[in-house]
């Protein structure tokens, strides 16, 4: 069993108001097909729209925001789960006055080289 608290995970703080922590990846468990990330989005900040091969879910843990998946835009709040199909452009923006927190799970796992590149930024 592997247990990791978000505060113990390596953090990447970016100038765009996001702090990302990779909680689980192939670098931690070589046999996994899953990458799990905890992301904090400061009020007014947004994640740049992007797409990738793994399908993904966002579980909103705290706060509120606006999630975009392809051309669909919806308000999200704590307790919501958003599914993002593979190769689909998506992003999220914090529309509230407190930190928006979400946990993301993607499968298949992002290749370890991409995870390493993420932290080399």
PDB file of N, CA and C in Angstrom:
ATOM      1  N   UNK A   1       0.851  -1.174   0.000  1.00  0.00           N
ATOM      2  CA  UNK A   1       0.000   0.000   0.000  1.00  0.00           C
ATOM      3  C   UNK A   1       0.898   1.237   0.000  1.00  0.00           C
ATOM      4  N   UNK A   2       0.454   2.235  -0.749  1.00  0.00           N
ATOM      5  CA  UNK A   2       1.177   3.508  -0.808  1.00  0.00           C
ATOM      6  C   UNK A   2       0.226   4.607  -0.367  1.00  0.00           C
ATOM      7  N   UNK A   3       0.633   5.397   0.609  1.00  0.00           N
ATOM      8  CA  UNK A   3      -0.165   6.513   1.096  1.00  0.00           C
ATOM      9  C   UNK A   3       0.706   7.764   1.003  1.00  0.00           C
ATOM     10  N   UNK A   4       0.163   8.822   0.398  1.00  0.00           N
ATOM     11  CA  UNK A   4       0.900  10.070   0.254  1.00  0.00           C
ATOM     12  C   UNK A   4      -0.052  11.230   0.489  1.00  0.00           C
ATOM     13  N   UNK A   5       0.300  12.098   1.417  1.00  0.00           N
ATOM     14  CA  UNK A   5      -0.480  13.305   1.666  1.00  0.00           C
ATOM     15  C   UNK A   5      -0.080  14.358   0.650  1.00  0.00           C
ATOM     16  N   UNK A   6      -1.021  15.165   0.205  1.00  0.00           N
ATOM     17  CA  UNK A   6      -0.713  16.176  -0.815  1.00  0.00           C
ATOM     18  C   UNK A   6       0.407  17.102  -0.376  1.00  0.00           C
ATOM     19  N   UNK A   7       0.518  17.393   0.911  1.00  0.00           N
ATOM     20  CA  UNK A   7       1.566  18.286   1.403  1.00  0.00           C
ATOM     21  C   UNK A   7       2.954  17.667   1.276  1.00  0.00           C
ATOM     22  N   UNK A   8       3.028  16.336   1.145  1.00  0.00           N
ATOM     23  CA  UNK A   8       4.317  15.652   1.011  1.00  0.00           C
ATOM     24  C   UNK A   8       4.704  15.415  -0.444  1.00  0.00           C
ATOM     25  N   UNK A   9       3.799  15.696  -1.367  1.00  0.00           N
ATOM     26  CA  UNK A   9       4.079  15.487  -2.794  1.00  0.00           C
ATOM     27  C   UNK A   9       4.860  16.680  -3.338  1.00  0.00           C
ATOM     28  N   UNK A  10       5.772  16.436  -4.280  1.00  0.00           N
ATOM     29  CA  UNK A  10       6.486  17.563  -4.895  1.00  0.00           C
ATOM     30  C   UNK A  10       5.482  18.526  -5.533  1.00  0.00           C
ATOM     31  N   UNK A  11       5.711  19.817  -5.359  1.00  0.00           N
ATOM     32  CA  UNK A  11       4.785  20.822  -5.871  1.00  0.00           C
ATOM     33  C   UNK A  11       5.437  21.665  -6.946  1.00  0.00           C
ATOM     34  N   UNK A  12       4.655  21.966  -7.967  1.00  0.00           N
ATOM     35  CA  UNK A  12       5.076  22.892  -9.007  1.00  0.00           C
ATOM     36  C   UNK A  12       4.173  24.112  -8.905  1.00  0.00           C
ATOM     37  N   UNK A  13       4.730  25.237  -8.467  1.00  0.00           N
ATOM     38  CA  UNK A  13       3.987  26.493  -8.399  1.00  0.00           C
ATOM     39  C   UNK A  13       4.311  27.275  -9.653  1.00  0.00           C
ATOM     40  N   UNK A  14       3.268  27.667 -10.371  1.00  0.00           N
ATOM     41  CA  UNK A  14       3.472  28.410 -11.606  1.00  0.00           C
ATOM     42  C   UNK A  14       2.976  29.835 -11.429  1.00  0.00           C
ATOM     43  N   UNK A  15       3.425  30.718 -12.301  1.00  0.00           N
ATOM     44  CA  UNK A  15       3.037  32.123 -12.231  1.00  0.00           C
ATOM     45  C   UNK A  15       1.584  32.356 -12.601  1.00  0.00           C
ATOM     46  N   UNK A  16       0.893  31.316 -13.093  1.00  0.00           N
ATOM     47  CA  UNK A  16      -0.490  31.494 -13.521  1.00  0.00           C
ATOM     48  C   UNK A  16      -1.498  31.248 -12.400  1.00  0.00           C
ATOM     49  N   UNK A  17      -1.021  31.114 -11.136  1.00  0.00           N
ATOM     50  CA  UNK A  17      -1.933  30.926 -10.013  1.00  0.00           C
ATOM     51  C   UNK A  17      -2.311  29.489  -9.743  1.00  0.00           C
ATOM     52  N   UNK A  18      -1.593  28.542 -10.343  1.00  0.00           N
ATOM     53  CA  UNK A  18      -1.846  27.127 -10.113  1.00  0.00           C
ATOM     54  C   UNK A  18      -0.682  26.496  -9.366  1.00  0.00           C
ATOM     55  N   UNK A  19      -1.004  25.602  -8.442  1.00  0.00           N
ATOM     56  CA  UNK A  19      -0.011  24.761  -7.783  1.00  0.00           C
ATOM     57  C   UNK A  19      -0.435  23.322  -8.044  1.00  0.00           C
ATOM     58  N   UNK A  20       0.444  22.541  -8.678  1.00  0.00           N
ATOM     59  CA  UNK A  20       0.142  21.155  -9.037  1.00  0.00           C
ATOM     60  C   UNK A  20       1.040  20.216  -8.257  1.00  0.00           C
ATOM     61  N   UNK A  21       0.439  19.130  -7.788  1.00  0.00           N
ATOM     62  CA  UNK A  21       1.189  18.091  -7.084  1.00  0.00           C
ATOM     63  C   UNK A  21       0.830  16.740  -7.695  1.00  0.00           C
ATOM     64  N   UNK A  22       1.820  16.026  -8.170  1.00  0.00           N
ATOM     65  CA  UNK A  22       1.553  14.688  -8.696  1.00  0.00           C
ATOM     66  C   UNK A  22       1.621  13.709  -7.525  1.00  0.00           C
ATOM     67  N   UNK A  23       0.477  13.091  -7.222  1.00  0.00           N
ATOM     68  CA  UNK A  23       0.366  12.179  -6.086  1.00  0.00           C
ATOM     69  C   UNK A  23       0.710  10.743  -6.443  1.00  0.00           C
ATOM     70  N   UNK A  24       0.524  10.397  -7.715  1.00  0.00           N
ATOM     71  CA  UNK A  24       0.698   8.998  -8.109  1.00  0.00           C
ATOM     72  C   UNK A  24       1.032   8.956  -9.595  1.00  0.00           C
ATOM     73  N   UNK A  25       2.114   8.272  -9.945  1.00  0.00           N
ATOM     74  CA  UNK A  25       2.481   8.154 -11.352  1.00  0.00           C
ATOM     75  C   UNK A  25       3.374   6.935 -11.536  1.00  0.00           C
ATOM     76  N   UNK A  26       3.766   6.699 -12.770  1.00  0.00           N
ATOM     77  CA  UNK A  26       4.632   5.563 -13.059  1.00  0.00           C
ATOM     78  C   UNK A  26       5.972   5.669 -12.345  1.00  0.00           C
ATOM     79  N   UNK A  27       6.406   6.868 -11.998  1.00  0.00           N
ATOM     80  CA  UNK A  27       7.659   7.023 -11.259  1.00  0.00           C
ATOM     81  C   UNK A  27       7.561   6.508  -9.835  1.00  0.00           C
ATOM     82  N   UNK A  28       6.325   6.396  -9.340  1.00  0.00           N
ATOM     83  CA  UNK A  28       6.109   5.909  -7.976  1.00  0.00           C
ATOM     84  C   UNK A  28       5.800   4.425  -7.945  1.00  0.00           C
ATOM     85  N   UNK A  29       4.992   3.984  -8.898  1.00  0.00           N
ATOM     86  CA  UNK A  29       4.561   2.594  -8.979  1.00  0.00           C
ATOM     87  C   UNK A  29       4.672   2.183 -10.441  1.00  0.00           C
ATOM     88  N   UNK A  30       5.678   1.433 -10.782  1.00  0.00           N
ATOM     89  CA  UNK A  30       5.983   1.160 -12.193  1.00  0.00           C
ATOM     90  C   UNK A  30       4.868   0.417 -12.929  1.00  0.00           C
ATOM     91  N   UNK A  31       4.054  -0.299 -12.246  1.00  0.00           N
ATOM     92  CA  UNK A  31       3.002  -1.093 -12.900  1.00  0.00           C
ATOM     93  C   UNK A  31       1.682  -0.349 -13.042  1.00  0.00           C
ATOM     94  N   UNK A  32       1.645   0.944 -12.758  1.00  0.00           N
ATOM     95  CA  UNK A  32       0.373   1.665 -12.767  1.00  0.00           C
ATOM     96  C   UNK A  32      -0.031   2.115 -14.169  1.00  0.00           C
ATOM     97  N   UNK A  33      -1.307   2.255 -14.379  1.00  0.00           N
ATOM     98  CA  UNK A  33      -1.870   2.833 -15.605  1.00  0.00           C
ATOM     99  C   UNK A  33      -2.634   4.099 -15.265  1.00  0.00           C
ATOM    100  N   UNK A  34      -2.190   4.785 -14.206  1.00  0.00           N
ATOM    101  CA  UNK A  34      -2.942   5.910 -13.669  1.00  0.00           C
ATOM    102  C   UNK A  34      -1.982   7.015 -13.207  1.00  0.00           C
ATOM    103  N   UNK A  35      -2.330   8.257 -13.510  1.00  0.00           N
ATOM    104  CA  UNK A  35      -1.648   9.414 -12.942  1.00  0.00           C
ATOM    105  C   UNK A  35      -2.689  10.200 -12.152  1.00  0.00           C
ATOM    106  N   UNK A  36      -2.354  10.544 -10.902  1.00  0.00           N
ATOM    107  CA  UNK A  36      -3.264  11.298 -10.038  1.00  0.00           C
ATOM    108  C   UNK A  36      -2.562  12.583  -9.621  1.00  0.00           C
ATOM    109  N   UNK A  37      -3.250  13.698  -9.799  1.00  0.00           N
ATOM    110  CA  UNK A  37      -2.693  15.015  -9.499  1.00  0.00           C
ATOM    111  C   UNK A  37      -3.674  15.810  -8.643  1.00  0.00           C
ATOM    112  N   UNK A  38      -3.146  16.553  -7.674  1.00  0.00           N
ATOM    113  CA  UNK A  38      -3.946  17.490  -6.874  1.00  0.00           C
ATOM    114  C   UNK A  38      -3.559  18.887  -7.336  1.00  0.00           C
ATOM    115  N   UNK A  39      -4.540  19.707  -7.693  1.00  0.00           N
ATOM    116  CA  UNK A  39      -4.253  21.043  -8.213  1.00  0.00           C
ATOM    117  C   UNK A  39      -5.042  22.079  -7.414  1.00  0.00           C
ATOM    118  N   UNK A  40      -4.342  23.139  -6.999  1.00  0.00           N
ATOM    119  CA  UNK A  40      -4.959  24.297  -6.353  1.00  0.00           C
ATOM    120  C   UNK A  40      -4.947  25.441  -7.360  1.00  0.00           C
ATOM    121  N   UNK A  41      -6.113  26.055  -7.569  1.00  0.00           N
ATOM    122  CA  UNK A  41      -6.250  27.165  -8.507  1.00  0.00           C
ATOM    123  C   UNK A  41      -6.695  28.383  -7.702  1.00  0.00           C
ATOM    124  N   UNK A  42      -5.853  29.405  -7.667  1.00  0.00           N
ATOM    125  CA  UNK A  42      -6.154  30.612  -6.898  1.00  0.00           C
ATOM    126  C   UNK A  42      -7.339  31.371  -7.508  1.00  0.00           C
ATOM    127  N   UNK A  43      -8.054  32.174  -6.716  1.00  0.00           N
ATOM    128  CA  UNK A  43      -9.177  32.958  -7.248  1.00  0.00           C
ATOM    129  C   UNK A  43      -8.742  33.770  -8.469  1.00  0.00           C
ATOM    130  N   UNK A  44      -9.552  33.701  -9.513  1.00  0.00           N
ATOM    131  CA  UNK A  44      -9.282  34.425 -10.754  1.00  0.00           C
ATOM    132  C   UNK A  44      -8.314  33.727 -11.697  1.00  0.00           C
ATOM    133  N   UNK A  45      -7.623  32.697 -11.235  1.00  0.00           N
ATOM    134  CA  UNK A  45      -6.644  31.997 -12.075  1.00  0.00           C
ATOM    135  C   UNK A  45      -7.350  30.945 -12.943  1.00  0.00           C
ATOM    136  N   UNK A  46      -6.644  30.528 -13.980  1.00  0.00           N
ATOM    137  CA  UNK A  46      -7.206  29.510 -14.875  1.00  0.00           C
ATOM    138  C   UNK A  46      -6.114  28.574 -15.351  1.00  0.00           C
ATOM    139  N   UNK A  47      -6.533  27.387 -15.667  1.00  0.00           N
ATOM    140  CA  UNK A  47      -5.661  26.403 -16.304  1.00  0.00           C
ATOM    141  C   UNK A  47      -5.770  26.632 -17.807  1.00  0.00           C
ATOM    142  N   UNK A  48      -4.661  26.697 -18.476  1.00  0.00           N
ATOM    143  CA  UNK A  48      -4.657  26.877 -19.922  1.00  0.00           C
ATOM    144  C   UNK A  48      -5.350  25.674 -20.579  1.00  0.00           C
ATOM    145  N   UNK A  49      -6.191  25.975 -21.577  1.00  0.00           N
ATOM    146  CA  UNK A  49      -6.846  24.871 -22.305  1.00  0.00           C
ATOM    147  C   UNK A  49      -5.784  24.026 -22.976  1.00  0.00           C
ATOM    148  N   UNK A  50      -5.947  22.721 -22.877  1.00  0.00           N
ATOM    149  CA  UNK A  50      -4.965  21.790 -23.410  1.00  0.00           C
ATOM    150  C   UNK A  50      -5.659  20.465 -23.718  1.00  0.00           C
ATOM    151  N   UNK A  51      -4.943  19.586 -24.375  1.00  0.00           N
ATOM    152  CA  UNK A  51      -5.465  18.235 -24.614  1.00  0.00           C
ATOM    153  C   UNK A  51      -4.310  17.252 -24.553  1.00  0.00           C
ATOM    154  N   UNK A  52      -4.657  15.983 -24.321  1.00  0.00           N
ATOM    155  CA  UNK A  52      -3.650  14.933 -24.235  1.00  0.00           C
ATOM    156  C   UNK A  52      -4.310  13.590 -24.498  1.00  0.00           C
ATOM    157  N   UNK A  53      -3.492  12.575 -24.657  1.00  0.00           N
ATOM    158  CA  UNK A  53      -3.997  11.242 -24.996  1.00  0.00           C
ATOM    159  C   UNK A  53      -4.795  10.594 -23.867  1.00  0.00           C
ATOM    160  N   UNK A  54      -4.350  10.632 -22.598  1.00  0.00           N
ATOM    161  CA  UNK A  54      -5.133   9.956 -21.560  1.00  0.00           C
ATOM    162  C   UNK A  54      -6.510  10.584 -21.351  1.00  0.00           C
ATOM    163  N   UNK A  55      -7.508   9.736 -21.108  1.00  0.00           N
ATOM    164  CA  UNK A  55      -8.781  10.267 -20.634  1.00  0.00           C
ATOM    165  C   UNK A  55      -8.579  10.653 -19.177  1.00  0.00           C
ATOM    166  N   UNK A  56      -9.454  11.506 -18.660  1.00  0.00           N
ATOM    167  CA  UNK A  56      -9.199  12.089 -17.351  1.00  0.00           C
ATOM    168  C   UNK A  56     -10.517  12.414 -16.666  1.00  0.00           C
ATOM    169  N   UNK A  57     -10.494  12.412 -15.340  1.00  0.00           N
ATOM    170  CA  UNK A  57     -11.601  12.954 -14.558  1.00  0.00           C
ATOM    171  C   UNK A  57     -11.051  14.008 -13.623  1.00  0.00           C
ATOM    172  N   UNK A  58     -11.849  15.037 -13.386  1.00  0.00           N
ATOM    173  CA  UNK A  58     -11.562  16.047 -12.372  1.00  0.00           C
ATOM    174  C   UNK A  58     -12.614  15.859 -11.286  1.00  0.00           C
ATOM    175  N   UNK A  59     -12.187  15.736 -10.034  1.00  0.00           N
ATOM    176  CA  UNK A  59     -13.095  15.703  -8.896  1.00  0.00           C
ATOM    177  C   UNK A  59     -12.869  17.006  -8.136  1.00  0.00           C
ATOM    178  N   UNK A  60     -13.889  17.840  -8.105  1.00  0.00           N
ATOM    179  CA  UNK A  60     -13.772  19.141  -7.444  1.00  0.00           C
ATOM    180  C   UNK A  60     -13.892  18.908  -5.938  1.00  0.00           C
ATOM    181  N   UNK A  61     -12.839  19.278  -5.207  1.00  0.00           N
ATOM    182  CA  UNK A  61     -12.760  19.039  -3.769  1.00  0.00           C
ATOM    183  C   UNK A  61     -13.220  20.267  -2.979  1.00  0.00           C
ATOM    184  N   UNK A  62     -12.891  21.458  -3.472  1.00  0.00           N
ATOM    185  CA  UNK A  62     -13.260  22.699  -2.771  1.00  0.00           C
ATOM    186  C   UNK A  62     -13.368  23.830  -3.783  1.00  0.00           C
ATOM    187  N   UNK A  63     -14.198  24.799  -3.456  1.00  0.00           N
ATOM    188  CA  UNK A  63     -14.323  25.981  -4.300  1.00  0.00           C
ATOM    189  C   UNK A  63     -15.308  25.797  -5.442  1.00  0.00           C
ATOM    190  N   UNK A  64     -15.224  26.731  -6.388  1.00  0.00           N
ATOM    191  CA  UNK A  64     -16.125  26.706  -7.535  1.00  0.00           C
ATOM    192  C   UNK A  64     -15.402  27.259  -8.748  1.00  0.00           C
ATOM    193  N   UNK A  65     -15.871  26.858  -9.914  1.00  0.00           N
ATOM    194  CA  UNK A  65     -15.211  27.320 -11.125  1.00  0.00           C
ATOM    195  C   UNK A  65     -16.043  27.093 -12.359  1.00  0.00           C
ATOM    196  N   UNK A  66     -15.412  27.306 -13.488  1.00  0.00           N
ATOM    197  CA  UNK A  66     -16.022  27.090 -14.796  1.00  0.00           C
ATOM    198  C   UNK A  66     -15.142  26.103 -15.542  1.00  0.00           C
ATOM    199  N   UNK A  67     -15.693  24.952 -15.901  1.00  0.00           N
ATOM    200  CA  UNK A  67     -14.970  23.892 -16.597  1.00  0.00           C
ATOM    201  C   UNK A  67     -15.369  23.908 -18.053  1.00  0.00           C
ATOM    202  N   UNK A  68     -14.368  23.814 -18.926  1.00  0.00           N
ATOM    203  CA  UNK A  68     -14.608  23.747 -20.360  1.00  0.00           C
ATOM    204  C   UNK A  68     -14.075  22.412 -20.855  1.00  0.00           C
ATOM    205  N   UNK A  69     -14.932  21.661 -21.537  1.00  0.00           N
ATOM    206  CA  UNK A  69     -14.536  20.409 -22.177  1.00  0.00           C
ATOM    207  C   UNK A  69     -15.049  20.483 -23.606  1.00  0.00           C
ATOM    208  N   UNK A  70     -14.110  20.572 -24.549  1.00  0.00           N
ATOM    209  CA  UNK A  70     -14.432  20.781 -25.960  1.00  0.00           C
ATOM    210  C   UNK A  70     -15.194  22.106 -26.065  1.00  0.00           C
ATOM    211  N   UNK A  71     -16.421  22.097 -26.523  1.00  0.00           N
ATOM    212  CA  UNK A  71     -17.199  23.339 -26.636  1.00  0.00           C
ATOM    213  C   UNK A  71     -18.203  23.505 -25.494  1.00  0.00           C
ATOM    214  N   UNK A  72     -18.213  22.560 -24.554  1.00  0.00           N
ATOM    215  CA  UNK A  72     -19.170  22.576 -23.441  1.00  0.00           C
ATOM    216  C   UNK A  72     -18.560  23.298 -22.239  1.00  0.00           C
ATOM    217  N   UNK A  73     -19.258  24.306 -21.714  1.00  0.00           N
ATOM    218  CA  UNK A  73     -18.818  25.084 -20.564  1.00  0.00           C
ATOM    219  C   UNK A  73     -19.845  24.938 -19.461  1.00  0.00           C
ATOM    220  N   UNK A  74     -19.381  24.565 -18.257  1.00  0.00           N
ATOM    221  CA  UNK A  74     -20.321  24.400 -17.153  1.00  0.00           C
ATOM    222  C   UNK A  74     -19.709  24.859 -15.844  1.00  0.00           C
ATOM    223  N   UNK A  75     -20.566  25.388 -14.974  1.00  0.00           N
ATOM    224  CA  UNK A  75     -20.145  25.732 -13.616  1.00  0.00           C
ATOM    225  C   UNK A  75     -19.936  24.435 -12.838  1.00  0.00           C
ATOM    226  N   UNK A  76     -18.872  24.405 -12.013  1.00  0.00           N
ATOM    227  CA  UNK A  76     -18.586  23.246 -11.174  1.00  0.00           C
ATOM    228  C   UNK A  76     -18.336  23.721  -9.749  1.00  0.00           C
ATOM    229  N   UNK A  77     -18.565  22.814  -8.809  1.00  0.00           N
ATOM    230  CA  UNK A  77     -18.349  23.130  -7.396  1.00  0.00           C
ATOM    231  C   UNK A  77     -17.955  21.859  -6.664  1.00  0.00           C
ATOM    232  N   UNK A  78     -17.583  22.018  -5.389  1.00  0.00           N
ATOM    233  CA  UNK A  78     -17.156  20.887  -4.573  1.00  0.00           C
ATOM    234  C   UNK A  78     -18.172  19.751  -4.670  1.00  0.00           C
ATOM    235  N   UNK A  79     -17.664  18.551  -4.902  1.00  0.00           N
ATOM    236  CA  UNK A  79     -18.510  17.364  -5.023  1.00  0.00           C
ATOM    237  C   UNK A  79     -18.763  16.934  -6.454  1.00  0.00           C
ATOM    238  N   UNK A  80     -18.454  17.802  -7.430  1.00  0.00           N
ATOM    239  CA  UNK A  80     -18.683  17.473  -8.842  1.00  0.00           C
ATOM    240  C   UNK A  80     -17.535  16.644  -9.416  1.00  0.00           C
ATOM    241  N   UNK A  81     -17.868  15.785 -10.351  1.00  0.00           N
ATOM    242  CA  UNK A  81     -16.893  15.032 -11.134  1.00  0.00           C
ATOM    243  C   UNK A  81     -17.121  15.374 -12.596  1.00  0.00           C
ATOM    244  N   UNK A  82     -16.031  15.675 -13.304  1.00  0.00           N
ATOM    245  CA  UNK A  82     -16.095  16.004 -14.730  1.00  0.00           C
ATOM    246  C   UNK A  82     -15.253  14.980 -15.488  1.00  0.00           C
ATOM    247  N   UNK A  83     -15.836  14.353 -16.504  1.00  0.00           N
ATOM    248  CA  UNK A  83     -15.096  13.409 -17.351  1.00  0.00           C
ATOM    249  C   UNK A  83     -14.579  14.143 -18.578  1.00  0.00           C
ATOM    250  N   UNK A  84     -13.298  13.916 -18.897  1.00  0.00           N
ATOM    251  CA  UNK A  84     -12.673  14.502 -20.077  1.00  0.00           C
ATOM    252  C   UNK A  84     -12.213  13.354 -20.969  1.00  0.00           C
ATOM    253  N   UNK A  85     -12.855  13.158 -22.124  1.00  0.00           N
ATOM    254  CA  UNK A  85     -12.425  12.084 -23.028  1.00  0.00           C
ATOM    255  C   UNK A  85     -11.003  12.317 -23.543  1.00  0.00           C
ATOM    256  N   UNK A  86     -10.367  11.267 -23.992  1.00  0.00           N
ATOM    257  CA  UNK A  86      -9.030  11.355 -24.579  1.00  0.00           C
ATOM    258  C   UNK A  86      -9.036  12.330 -25.754  1.00  0.00           C
ATOM    259  N   UNK A  87      -7.923  13.022 -25.941  1.00  0.00           N
ATOM    260  CA  UNK A  87      -7.726  13.945 -27.074  1.00  0.00           C
ATOM    261  C   UNK A  87      -8.796  15.037 -27.153  1.00  0.00           C
ATOM    262  N   UNK A  88      -9.268  15.519 -26.007  1.00  0.00           N
ATOM    263  CA  UNK A  88     -10.305  16.551 -25.976  1.00  0.00           C
ATOM    264  C   UNK A  88      -9.768  17.781 -25.244  1.00  0.00           C
ATOM    265  N   UNK A  89      -9.877  18.944 -25.889  1.00  0.00           N
ATOM    266  CA  UNK A  89      -9.397  20.177 -25.267  1.00  0.00           C
ATOM    267  C   UNK A  89     -10.236  20.489 -24.031  1.00  0.00           C
ATOM    268  N   UNK A  90      -9.557  20.902 -22.959  1.00  0.00           N
ATOM    269  CA  UNK A  90     -10.246  21.194 -21.705  1.00  0.00           C
ATOM    270  C   UNK A  90      -9.431  22.160 -20.852  1.00  0.00           C
ATOM    271  N   UNK A  91     -10.088  22.761 -19.867  1.00  0.00           N
ATOM    272  CA  UNK A  91      -9.439  23.660 -18.921  1.00  0.00           C
ATOM    273  C   UNK A  91     -10.438  24.077 -17.863  1.00  0.00           C
ATOM    274  N   UNK A  92      -9.946  24.739 -16.832  1.00  0.00           N
ATOM    275  CA  UNK A  92     -10.807  25.161 -15.730  1.00  0.00           C
ATOM    276  C   UNK A  92     -10.375  26.539 -15.250  1.00  0.00           C
ATOM    277  N   UNK A  93     -11.356  27.313 -14.769  1.00  0.00           N
ATOM    278  CA  UNK A  93     -11.087  28.656 -14.240  1.00  0.00           C
ATOM    279  C   UNK A  93     -11.771  28.785 -12.891  1.00  0.00           C
ATOM    280  N   UNK A  94     -11.071  29.363 -11.937  1.00  0.00           N
ATOM    281  CA  UNK A  94     -11.650  29.610 -10.623  1.00  0.00           C
ATOM    282  C   UNK A  94     -12.509  30.871 -10.707  1.00  0.00           C
ATOM    283  N   UNK A  95     -13.809  30.731 -10.436  1.00  0.00           N
ATOM    284  CA  UNK A  95     -14.732  31.865 -10.482  1.00  0.00           C
ATOM    285  C   UNK A  95     -15.132  32.336  -9.089  1.00  0.00           C
ATOM    286  N   UNK A  96     -14.561  31.690  -8.065  1.00  0.00           N
ATOM    287  CA  UNK A  96     -14.937  32.032  -6.695  1.00  0.00           C
ATOM    288  C   UNK A  96     -13.926  32.927  -6.013  1.00  0.00           C
ATOM    289  N   UNK A  97     -14.143  33.120  -4.711  1.00  0.00           N
ATOM    290  CA  UNK A  97     -13.250  33.977  -3.932  1.00  0.00           C
ATOM    291  C   UNK A  97     -12.345  33.175  -3.002  1.00  0.00           C
ATOM    292  N   UNK A  98     -12.314  31.867  -3.170  1.00  0.00           N
ATOM    293  CA  UNK A  98     -11.395  31.007  -2.410  1.00  0.00           C
ATOM    294  C   UNK A  98     -10.725  30.039  -3.367  1.00  0.00           C
ATOM    295  N   UNK A  99      -9.702  29.358  -2.912  1.00  0.00           N
ATOM    296  CA  UNK A  99      -8.959  28.428  -3.755  1.00  0.00           C
ATOM    297  C   UNK A  99      -9.870  27.312  -4.259  1.00  0.00           C
ATOM    298  N   UNK A 100      -9.810  27.063  -5.554  1.00  0.00           N
ATOM    299  CA  UNK A 100     -10.474  25.922  -6.178  1.00  0.00           C
ATOM    300  C   UNK A 100      -9.488  24.764  -6.111  1.00  0.00           C
ATOM    301  N   UNK A 101      -9.907  23.643  -5.549  1.00  0.00           N
ATOM    302  CA  UNK A 101      -9.044  22.473  -5.453  1.00  0.00           C
ATOM    303  C   UNK A 101      -9.707  21.317  -6.196  1.00  0.00           C
ATOM    304  N   UNK A 102      -8.910  20.624  -7.006  1.00  0.00           N
ATOM    305  CA  UNK A 102      -9.438  19.428  -7.655  1.00  0.00           C
ATOM    306  C   UNK A 102      -8.383  18.342  -7.696  1.00  0.00           C
ATOM    307  N   UNK A 103      -8.865  17.117  -7.732  1.00  0.00           N
ATOM    308  CA  UNK A 103      -8.015  15.946  -7.915  1.00  0.00           C
ATOM    309  C   UNK A 103      -8.315  15.408  -9.296  1.00  0.00           C
ATOM    310  N   UNK A 104      -7.259  15.153 -10.043  1.00  0.00           N
ATOM    311  CA  UNK A 104      -7.384  14.642 -11.406  1.00  0.00           C
ATOM    312  C   UNK A 104      -6.822  13.230 -11.456  1.00  0.00           C
ATOM    313  N   UNK A 105      -7.512  12.344 -12.148  1.00  0.00           N
ATOM    314  CA  UNK A 105      -7.002  10.998 -12.406  1.00  0.00           C
ATOM    315  C   UNK A 105      -7.036  10.782 -13.912  1.00  0.00           C
ATOM    316  N   UNK A 106      -5.920  10.333 -14.469  1.00  0.00           N
ATOM    317  CA  UNK A 106      -5.803  10.132 -15.917  1.00  0.00           C
ATOM    318  C   UNK A 106      -5.315   8.717 -16.194  1.00  0.00           C
ATOM    319  N   UNK A 107      -5.896   8.110 -17.240  1.00  0.00           N
ATOM    320  CA  UNK A 107      -5.460   6.785 -17.655  1.00  0.00           C
ATOM    321  C   UNK A 107      -5.511   6.695 -19.170  1.00  0.00           C
ATOM    322  N   UNK A 108      -4.547   6.082 -19.838  1.00  0.00           N
ATOM    323  CA  UNK A 108      -3.366   5.482 -19.215  1.00  0.00           C
ATOM    324  C   UNK A 108      -2.506   6.548 -18.567  1.00  0.00           C
ATOM    325  N   UNK A 109      -1.607   6.110 -17.705  1.00  0.00           N
ATOM    326  CA  UNK A 109      -0.730   7.036 -16.996  1.00  0.00           C
ATOM    327  C   UNK A 109       0.072   7.868 -17.982  1.00  0.00           C
ATOM    328  N   UNK A 110       0.309   9.139 -17.614  1.00  0.00           N
ATOM    329  CA  UNK A 110       1.207   9.954 -18.425  1.00  0.00           C
ATOM    330  C   UNK A 110       2.579   9.293 -18.391  1.00  0.00           C
ATOM    331  N   UNK A 111       3.280   9.225 -19.523  1.00  0.00           N
ATOM    332  CA  UNK A 111       4.624   8.644 -19.511  1.00  0.00           C
ATOM    333  C   UNK A 111       5.517   9.385 -18.511  1.00  0.00           C
ATOM    334  N   UNK A 112       6.419   8.664 -17.856  1.00  0.00           N
ATOM    335  CA  UNK A 112       7.263   9.269 -16.832  1.00  0.00           C
ATOM    336  C   UNK A 112       8.055  10.451 -17.372  1.00  0.00           C
ATOM    337  N   UNK A 113       8.471  10.401 -18.637  1.00  0.00           N
ATOM    338  CA  UNK A 113       9.217  11.521 -19.217  1.00  0.00           C
ATOM    339  C   UNK A 113       8.376  12.799 -19.202  1.00  0.00           C
ATOM    340  N   UNK A 114       7.053  12.680 -19.476  1.00  0.00           N
ATOM    341  CA  UNK A 114       6.179  13.858 -19.423  1.00  0.00           C
ATOM    342  C   UNK A 114       6.034  14.385 -18.001  1.00  0.00           C
ATOM    343  N   UNK A 115       5.952  13.476 -17.033  1.00  0.00           N
ATOM    344  CA  UNK A 115       5.864  13.891 -15.629  1.00  0.00           C
ATOM    345  C   UNK A 115       7.146  14.622 -15.236  1.00  0.00           C
ATOM    346  N   UNK A 116       8.299  14.071 -15.623  1.00  0.00           N
ATOM    347  CA  UNK A 116       9.580  14.719 -15.319  1.00  0.00           C
ATOM    348  C   UNK A 116       9.675  16.090 -15.978  1.00  0.00           C
ATOM    349  N   UNK A 117       9.227  16.195 -17.248  1.00  0.00           N
ATOM    350  CA  UNK A 117       9.231  17.476 -17.956  1.00  0.00           C
ATOM    351  C   UNK A 117       8.345  18.491 -17.239  1.00  0.00           C
ATOM    352  N   UNK A 118       7.219  18.014 -16.711  1.00  0.00           N
ATOM    353  CA  UNK A 118       6.278  18.869 -16.000  1.00  0.00           C
ATOM    354  C   UNK A 118       7.002  19.576 -14.857  1.00  0.00           C
ATOM    355  N   UNK A 119       7.803  18.841 -14.104  1.00  0.00           N
ATOM    356  CA  UNK A 119       8.488  19.422 -12.952  1.00  0.00           C
ATOM    357  C   UNK A 119       9.767  20.152 -13.330  1.00  0.00           C
ATOM    358  N   UNK A 120      10.221  19.993 -14.571  1.00  0.00           N
ATOM    359  CA  UNK A 120      11.411  20.722 -15.017  1.00  0.00           C
ATOM    360  C   UNK A 120      11.052  22.124 -15.513  1.00  0.00           C
ATOM    361  N   UNK A 121       9.767  22.469 -15.611  1.00  0.00           N
ATOM    362  CA  UNK A 121       9.346  23.774 -16.120  1.00  0.00           C
ATOM    363  C   UNK A 121       9.742  24.892 -15.184  1.00  0.00           C
TER     364      UNK A 121
END
